[in-house]
Amino acid sequence: MTHLWVRAEQRPNEDRTGLTPEGAAQLIARGIEVTVEESRTRIIPIDGYRDAGCTIAPENAWPDAPRDAIVFGLKELPDDDTPLPHRHIMFGHAFKGQHSGRRLLERFKAGGGTLYDLEYLVDEQGRRVAAFGYWAGYAGGAVSLITWAAQQQGGTCPPVSAYPNKEALLADLAGRLNTTGKPRPRAIVIGALGRVGTGAADLCEAMDVQTTRWDMAETASGGPFPEILRHDIFLNCIFARPGTPVFVPQSALTADRSLSVIGDVACDPDSDYNPVPVYTQATTWDAPATRVHDTPPLDVMAIDNLPSLLPLESSQDYAGQLLPSLLTLDDPDGGVWARAKTVFNDNIKEV
């Protein structure tokens, strides 16, 4: 019997889950055993999983899970040197030149396990079967506007925390923007036709922020892009990959510009292909923006688990997209799982 083990997230400020109780019930009905760890932070209470028929395990018990169990989480594991013998489903951030990703692959090689990276679960046409993109863009736009509002009042972005729902976020954000006493800023979204960019642009327009939407056609020239500097806020929603142009080079820091906030929603600062190479590490919920230039100010927001700002909506949306693929886990060597395993095998050869 296929055994899916849903682990508790161990990263701070991570309240999301990739499986709802309703989805777990469907997996069990298909004959897949489902174990769910207790969690102090998961947005969906454990009782729902218990009622669905799941086995309940202690928090963070996954290292002792049966060797044939498939361990499912969203964000990364604790960064240590422990070998990984299980099959894992998660966002590994290991296949795009990230330096921290090599350490993860070394752990898989040492343990003999396999990584089914959620970013590389794709259909026959190469399209991702599930993504948090929309809510990443939505939350990234919100934190970038919070950063701008704080900047207008002579400060830096204060700590942020999860909202119970989208309506609470919008109400809080409107209050912050109104408190500045200034007209709404102008924003430019690059990657606007994708899920991430759509979410970012929708958030901006919900706040009456004039928004320029760019996608591949507008960036095909490869740059430079002086238009970005003429907006107050730039939201990067294009994931780093070979050939991605540089949107904001180091020279932009001292250039004549209106740009004062960069929301790097894609957030790949340690990638060799980072299109916003004016900062070097992700920001945090406690310090959501880093100032990369003082006069005039330029702040970069680059939180890498933005959808957890809205854990309820993002979990329900993502889990619904992913469930059809989870229902095929009884054939892990076919379909999306086979394609993800091929990506892993190709990358592990380089370790």
Protein backbone atom coordinates (compact mmCIF):
# COMPACT_ATOMS: atom_id res chain seq x y z
CA MET A 1 0.00 0.00 0.00
CA THR A 2 1.24 3.48 -0.87
CA HIS A 3 1.86 5.49 2.30
CA LEU A 4 1.83 9.30 2.30
CA TRP A 5 3.29 10.89 5.45
CA VAL A 6 2.37 14.58 5.83
CA ARG A 7 5.01 16.18 8.04
CA ALA A 8 4.66 19.28 10.19
CA GLU A 9 6.40 22.32 8.75
CA GLN A 10 9.51 23.17 10.76
CA ARG A 11 10.14 26.59 9.29
CA PRO A 12 9.03 29.63 11.34
CA ASN A 13 5.94 31.47 10.05
CA GLU A 14 4.87 28.54 7.90
CA ASP A 15 1.22 27.73 8.56
CA ARG A 16 0.28 26.27 5.17
CA THR A 17 -0.41 22.69 4.18
CA GLY A 18 -0.58 20.92 0.85
CA LEU A 19 -3.36 18.53 1.86
CA THR A 20 -6.78 19.30 3.34
CA PRO A 21 -8.84 16.76 5.32
CA GLU A 22 -11.21 16.48 2.37
CA GLY A 23 -8.28 15.60 0.11
CA ALA A 24 -6.95 13.12 2.65
CA ALA A 25 -10.32 11.36 2.68
CA GLN A 26 -10.15 10.97 -1.10
CA LEU A 27 -6.65 9.48 -0.89
CA ILE A 28 -7.75 7.01 1.76
CA ALA A 29 -10.78 6.02 -0.33
CA ARG A 30 -8.36 5.24 -3.16
CA GLY A 31 -6.41 2.89 -0.90
CA ILE A 32 -3.53 5.20 0.00
CA GLU A 33 -2.52 5.20 3.67
CA VAL A 34 -2.23 8.74 5.04
CA THR A 35 -0.35 9.73 8.18
CA VAL A 36 -0.50 13.37 9.31
CA GLU A 37 1.81 14.78 11.96
CA GLU A 38 0.45 17.00 14.68
CA SER A 39 1.44 20.64 14.21
CA ARG A 40 1.33 23.70 16.43
CA THR A 41 1.09 26.00 13.43
CA ARG A 42 -0.85 24.30 10.60
CA ILE A 43 -3.81 26.49 9.63
CA ILE A 44 -6.13 23.47 9.49
CA PRO A 45 -6.65 21.74 12.86
CA ILE A 46 -5.59 18.11 13.30
CA ASP A 47 -9.11 16.97 14.23
CA GLY A 48 -10.22 17.32 10.62
CA TYR A 49 -7.56 14.84 9.52
CA ARG A 50 -8.41 12.46 12.32
CA ASP A 51 -12.07 12.54 11.32
CA ALA A 52 -11.05 11.84 7.71
CA GLY A 53 -9.42 8.57 8.79
CA CYS A 54 -5.76 9.60 8.85
CA THR A 55 -3.26 8.11 11.27
CA ILE A 56 -1.96 10.87 13.55
CA ALA A 57 1.76 11.01 14.37
CA PRO A 58 3.76 13.26 16.71
CA GLU A 59 5.16 16.49 15.34
CA ASN A 60 8.43 16.08 13.43
CA ALA A 61 8.41 12.26 13.64
CA TRP A 62 9.04 11.88 9.90
CA PRO A 63 12.72 10.77 10.18
CA ASP A 64 11.39 7.59 11.83
CA ALA A 65 8.65 7.00 9.27
CA PRO A 66 8.66 3.62 7.52
CA ARG A 67 11.33 3.61 4.83
CA ASP A 68 8.77 3.12 2.07
CA ALA A 69 6.65 6.11 3.17
CA ILE A 70 6.61 9.20 0.94
CA VAL A 71 7.20 12.23 3.16
CA PHE A 72 5.21 15.29 2.08
CA GLY A 73 5.85 18.84 3.21
CA LEU A 74 6.02 22.25 1.60
CA LYS A 75 9.09 24.14 2.69
CA GLU A 76 12.63 23.01 3.26
CA LEU A 77 13.88 20.63 5.94
CA PRO A 78 16.21 21.75 8.73
CA ASP A 79 19.58 22.45 7.12
CA ASP A 80 21.87 19.80 8.56
CA ASP A 81 24.01 16.96 7.23
CA THR A 82 21.56 14.13 8.00
CA PRO A 83 21.27 11.68 5.08
CA LEU A 84 17.79 11.45 3.55
CA PRO A 85 16.72 7.88 2.76
CA HIS A 86 13.00 8.56 2.11
CA ARG A 87 11.21 9.78 -0.94
CA HIS A 88 10.27 13.43 -0.24
CA ILE A 89 7.73 15.73 -1.85
CA MET A 90 8.55 19.41 -1.18
CA PHE A 91 9.94 22.61 -2.63
CA GLY A 92 13.64 21.78 -2.61
CA HIS A 93 15.02 24.90 -4.34
CA ALA A 94 17.88 22.73 -5.56
CA PHE A 95 17.74 22.65 -9.36
CA LYS A 96 18.37 26.26 -10.44
CA GLY A 97 21.93 26.85 -9.34
CA GLN A 98 21.08 27.66 -5.72
CA HIS A 99 24.14 27.07 -3.56
CA SER A 100 22.12 25.81 -0.59
CA GLY A 101 20.42 23.34 -2.92
CA ARG A 102 23.64 21.43 -3.47
CA ARG A 103 23.83 20.62 0.24
CA LEU A 104 20.31 19.20 0.06
CA LEU A 105 21.19 17.04 -2.94
CA GLU A 106 24.27 15.79 -1.12
CA ARG A 107 21.99 14.60 1.70
CA PHE A 108 19.78 12.73 -0.76
CA LYS A 109 22.80 11.15 -2.37
CA ALA A 110 24.14 10.06 1.02
CA GLY A 111 20.83 8.54 2.09
CA GLY A 112 19.67 7.13 -1.23
CA GLY A 113 16.36 9.02 -1.15
CA THR A 114 14.54 10.87 -3.89
CA LEU A 115 13.22 14.42 -4.17
CA TYR A 116 9.97 14.99 -6.03
CA ASP A 117 10.27 18.75 -6.21
CA LEU A 118 6.86 20.41 -6.21
CA GLU A 119 8.11 23.07 -8.61
CA TYR A 120 8.87 20.34 -11.15
CA LEU A 121 5.59 18.43 -11.05
CA VAL A 122 4.52 19.17 -14.62
CA ASP A 123 2.03 17.84 -17.15
CA GLU A 124 2.84 16.50 -20.63
CA GLN A 125 3.17 20.07 -21.94
CA GLY A 126 5.61 21.06 -19.19
CA ARG A 127 3.12 23.18 -17.24
CA ARG A 128 3.16 22.98 -13.47
CA VAL A 129 0.22 21.03 -12.09
CA ALA A 130 0.02 23.10 -8.90
CA ALA A 131 1.48 26.39 -7.73
CA PHE A 132 1.12 28.90 -4.92
CA GLY A 133 1.96 31.58 -7.45
CA TYR A 134 -1.20 33.65 -7.29
CA TRP A 135 -1.08 34.04 -3.52
CA ALA A 136 2.68 34.63 -3.55
CA GLY A 137 2.08 37.55 -5.89
CA TYR A 138 -0.88 38.80 -3.89
CA ALA A 139 1.00 38.73 -0.57
CA GLY A 140 4.19 40.06 -2.16
CA GLY A 141 2.32 43.04 -3.51
CA ALA A 142 0.85 43.66 -0.07
CA VAL A 143 4.17 43.57 1.80
CA SER A 144 5.76 45.78 -0.85
CA LEU A 145 3.00 48.36 -0.32
CA ILE A 146 3.47 48.11 3.44
CA THR A 147 7.17 48.78 2.81
CA TRP A 148 6.35 51.82 0.68
CA ALA A 149 3.93 53.19 3.29
CA ALA A 150 6.52 52.88 6.04
CA GLN A 151 9.10 54.54 3.83
CA GLN A 152 6.85 57.56 3.24
CA GLN A 153 6.76 58.10 6.98
CA GLY A 154 10.52 57.92 7.35
CA GLY A 155 10.72 54.34 8.51
CA THR A 156 11.33 50.82 7.31
CA CYS A 157 8.89 47.99 6.91
CA PRO A 158 7.73 46.67 10.30
CA PRO A 159 7.44 42.94 11.05
CA VAL A 160 4.55 41.16 9.34
CA SER A 161 2.47 38.19 10.40
CA ALA A 162 -0.18 35.93 8.92
CA TYR A 163 -3.70 37.24 8.39
CA PRO A 164 -6.79 35.13 9.12
CA ASN A 165 -8.10 35.84 5.61
CA LYS A 166 -7.78 38.10 2.58
CA GLU A 167 -10.36 40.63 3.81
CA ALA A 168 -8.33 41.28 6.98
CA LEU A 169 -5.21 41.90 4.90
CA LEU A 170 -6.93 44.38 2.59
CA ALA A 171 -8.43 46.32 5.48
CA ASP A 172 -5.06 46.59 7.23
CA LEU A 173 -3.25 47.61 4.06
CA ALA A 174 -5.79 50.31 3.16
CA GLY A 175 -5.35 51.82 6.61
CA ARG A 176 -1.56 51.91 6.26
CA LEU A 177 -1.71 53.56 2.84
CA ASN A 178 -4.28 56.13 3.94
CA THR A 179 -2.17 57.05 6.96
CA THR A 180 0.65 58.29 4.71
CA GLY A 181 -1.56 61.11 3.44
CA LYS A 182 0.02 60.73 0.00
CA PRO A 183 -1.35 59.65 -3.39
CA ARG A 184 -1.09 55.99 -4.19
CA PRO A 185 2.25 54.93 -5.73
CA ARG A 186 2.72 53.67 -9.29
CA ALA A 187 3.75 50.04 -9.71
CA ILE A 188 5.13 47.89 -12.51
CA VAL A 189 4.68 44.13 -12.52
CA ILE A 190 6.97 41.99 -14.70
CA GLY A 191 5.62 38.54 -15.37
CA ALA A 192 2.09 39.91 -15.33
CA LEU A 193 0.58 37.15 -17.48
CA GLY A 194 1.59 34.40 -15.06
CA ARG A 195 -0.08 33.33 -11.85
CA VAL A 196 2.39 35.21 -9.65
CA GLY A 197 2.11 38.42 -11.64
CA THR A 198 -1.67 38.19 -11.82
CA GLY A 199 -1.86 37.98 -8.03
CA ALA A 200 0.51 40.93 -7.59
CA ALA A 201 -1.39 43.08 -10.08
CA ASP A 202 -4.77 42.14 -8.57
CA LEU A 203 -3.58 43.22 -5.12
CA CYS A 204 -2.27 46.52 -6.46
CA GLU A 205 -5.49 47.28 -8.29
CA ALA A 206 -7.54 46.35 -5.21
CA MET A 207 -5.63 49.16 -3.47
CA ASP A 208 -6.18 51.64 -6.36
CA VAL A 209 -2.50 51.52 -7.29
CA GLN A 210 -1.91 52.37 -10.96
CA THR A 211 -0.24 49.27 -12.35
CA THR A 212 1.83 48.70 -15.50
CA ARG A 213 1.73 45.05 -16.57
CA TRP A 214 4.75 43.69 -18.46
CA ASP A 215 5.50 40.19 -19.64
CA MET A 216 7.81 38.46 -22.13
CA ALA A 217 7.02 40.76 -25.06
CA GLU A 218 8.07 43.87 -23.13
CA THR A 219 11.32 42.31 -21.85
CA ALA A 220 12.40 40.46 -25.00
CA SER A 221 15.02 43.11 -25.81
CA GLY A 222 17.07 41.98 -22.82
CA GLY A 223 17.37 45.46 -21.35
CA PRO A 224 18.26 47.88 -20.02
CA PHE A 225 14.80 48.86 -18.80
CA PRO A 226 14.73 52.52 -17.72
CA GLU A 227 10.92 52.35 -17.51
CA ILE A 228 11.24 50.34 -14.28
CA LEU A 229 13.02 53.23 -12.60
CA ARG A 230 10.15 55.58 -13.44
CA HIS A 231 7.75 53.62 -11.21
CA ASP A 232 7.64 53.80 -7.43
CA ILE A 233 7.36 50.05 -6.93
CA PHE A 234 8.72 47.19 -9.06
CA LEU A 235 7.31 43.70 -8.51
CA ASN A 236 9.44 40.96 -10.04
CA CYS A 237 7.31 37.90 -10.72
CA ILE A 238 9.65 36.05 -13.09
CA PHE A 239 11.60 33.11 -11.71
CA ALA A 240 15.33 33.11 -12.27
CA ARG A 241 16.58 30.86 -15.05
CA PRO A 242 19.33 30.97 -17.67
CA GLY A 243 18.65 33.82 -20.06
CA THR A 244 16.53 35.89 -17.66
CA PRO A 245 17.48 39.56 -18.18
CA VAL A 246 18.72 41.78 -15.39
CA PHE A 247 15.90 44.16 -14.52
CA VAL A 248 17.55 46.31 -11.84
CA PRO A 249 21.37 46.38 -12.07
CA GLN A 250 23.70 47.79 -9.44
CA SER A 251 23.97 50.98 -11.47
CA ALA A 252 20.29 51.69 -10.75
CA LEU A 253 21.09 52.40 -7.10
CA THR A 254 22.68 55.75 -7.96
CA ALA A 255 20.62 56.49 -11.07
CA ASP A 256 17.93 59.13 -11.32
CA ARG A 257 14.83 57.17 -10.30
CA SER A 258 11.40 57.23 -8.75
CA LEU A 259 11.82 53.57 -7.81
CA SER A 260 11.97 53.18 -4.04
CA VAL A 261 10.65 49.65 -3.41
CA ILE A 262 11.49 46.38 -5.15
CA GLY A 263 9.25 43.45 -4.35
CA ASP A 264 11.23 40.44 -5.53
CA VAL A 265 8.37 37.97 -5.27
CA ALA A 266 10.31 35.30 -7.19
CA CYS A 267 13.09 35.64 -4.61
CA ASP A 268 16.17 33.84 -5.92
CA PRO A 269 18.98 35.93 -4.40
CA ASP A 270 21.49 33.08 -4.29
CA SER A 271 20.84 32.01 -7.87
CA ASP A 272 23.44 32.71 -10.52
CA TYR A 273 20.54 34.05 -12.63
CA ASN A 274 19.07 36.54 -10.14
CA PRO A 275 17.45 39.30 -12.24
CA VAL A 276 17.58 41.76 -9.32
CA PRO A 277 21.26 41.57 -8.27
CA VAL A 278 21.15 44.48 -5.83
CA TYR A 279 20.74 42.26 -2.75
CA THR A 280 22.20 38.94 -1.62
CA GLN A 281 19.81 37.21 0.77
CA ALA A 282 16.13 36.73 1.37
CA THR A 283 14.34 38.93 3.86
CA THR A 284 12.26 37.69 6.78
CA TRP A 285 8.91 38.23 8.44
CA ASP A 286 10.67 40.08 11.28
CA ALA A 287 12.61 42.28 8.83
CA PRO A 288 10.59 42.17 5.59
CA ALA A 289 12.70 44.66 3.64
CA THR A 290 16.38 45.41 3.38
CA ARG A 291 17.64 48.88 2.46
CA VAL A 292 20.15 48.68 -0.37
CA HIS A 293 20.56 52.44 -0.86
CA ASP A 294 19.93 55.35 1.50
CA THR A 295 19.49 58.55 -0.53
CA PRO A 296 17.08 58.30 -2.16
CA PRO A 297 15.99 55.17 -0.34
CA LEU A 298 15.60 51.84 -2.10
CA ASP A 299 14.22 48.91 -0.14
CA VAL A 300 14.00 45.30 -1.32
CA MET A 301 11.27 42.97 -0.07
CA ALA A 302 12.24 39.33 -0.74
CA ILE A 303 10.38 36.98 1.60
CA ASP A 304 10.49 33.46 0.19
CA ASN A 305 7.35 32.00 1.79
CA LEU A 306 4.93 34.82 0.99
CA PRO A 307 1.77 32.70 0.51
CA SER A 308 1.86 31.83 4.21
CA LEU A 309 0.81 35.42 4.86
CA LEU A 310 -2.60 34.12 3.76
CA PRO A 311 -2.33 30.49 4.85
CA LEU A 312 -6.01 29.58 4.61
CA GLU A 313 -6.70 30.72 1.05
CA SER A 314 -3.32 29.60 -0.25
CA SER A 315 -3.58 26.14 1.33
CA GLN A 316 -7.08 25.50 0.03
CA ASP A 317 -6.16 26.67 -3.46
CA TYR A 318 -2.90 24.74 -3.70
CA ALA A 319 -4.23 21.53 -2.16
CA GLY A 320 -7.08 21.51 -4.64
CA GLN A 321 -4.67 21.87 -7.57
CA LEU A 322 -2.31 19.17 -6.28
CA LEU A 323 -4.85 16.54 -5.26
CA PRO A 324 -5.33 14.96 -8.72
CA SER A 325 -1.59 14.24 -8.83
CA LEU A 326 -1.51 12.89 -5.27
CA LEU A 327 -4.28 10.50 -6.24
CA THR A 328 -1.82 8.91 -8.69
CA LEU A 329 0.84 8.24 -6.05
CA ASP A 330 0.06 4.54 -6.28
CA ASP A 331 1.98 4.78 -9.57
CA PRO A 332 5.04 6.83 -8.53
CA ASP A 333 6.95 5.77 -11.65
CA GLY A 334 4.39 7.26 -14.03
CA GLY A 335 3.07 10.66 -15.05
CA VAL A 336 4.07 13.73 -13.06
CA TRP A 337 6.07 11.68 -10.57
CA ALA A 338 8.20 10.05 -13.25
CA ARG A 339 8.94 13.45 -14.81
CA ALA A 340 9.91 14.92 -11.42
CA LYS A 341 12.13 11.92 -10.68
CA THR A 342 13.91 12.39 -14.01
CA VAL A 343 14.72 16.00 -13.08
CA PHE A 344 16.08 14.79 -9.73
CA ASN A 345 18.17 12.05 -11.31
CA ASP A 346 19.63 14.49 -13.84
CA ASN A 347 20.65 16.87 -11.08
CA ILE A 348 21.95 14.30 -8.63
CA LYS A 349 24.48 13.19 -11.25
CA GLU A 350 26.20 16.57 -10.83
CA VAL A 351 26.71 16.08 -7.07
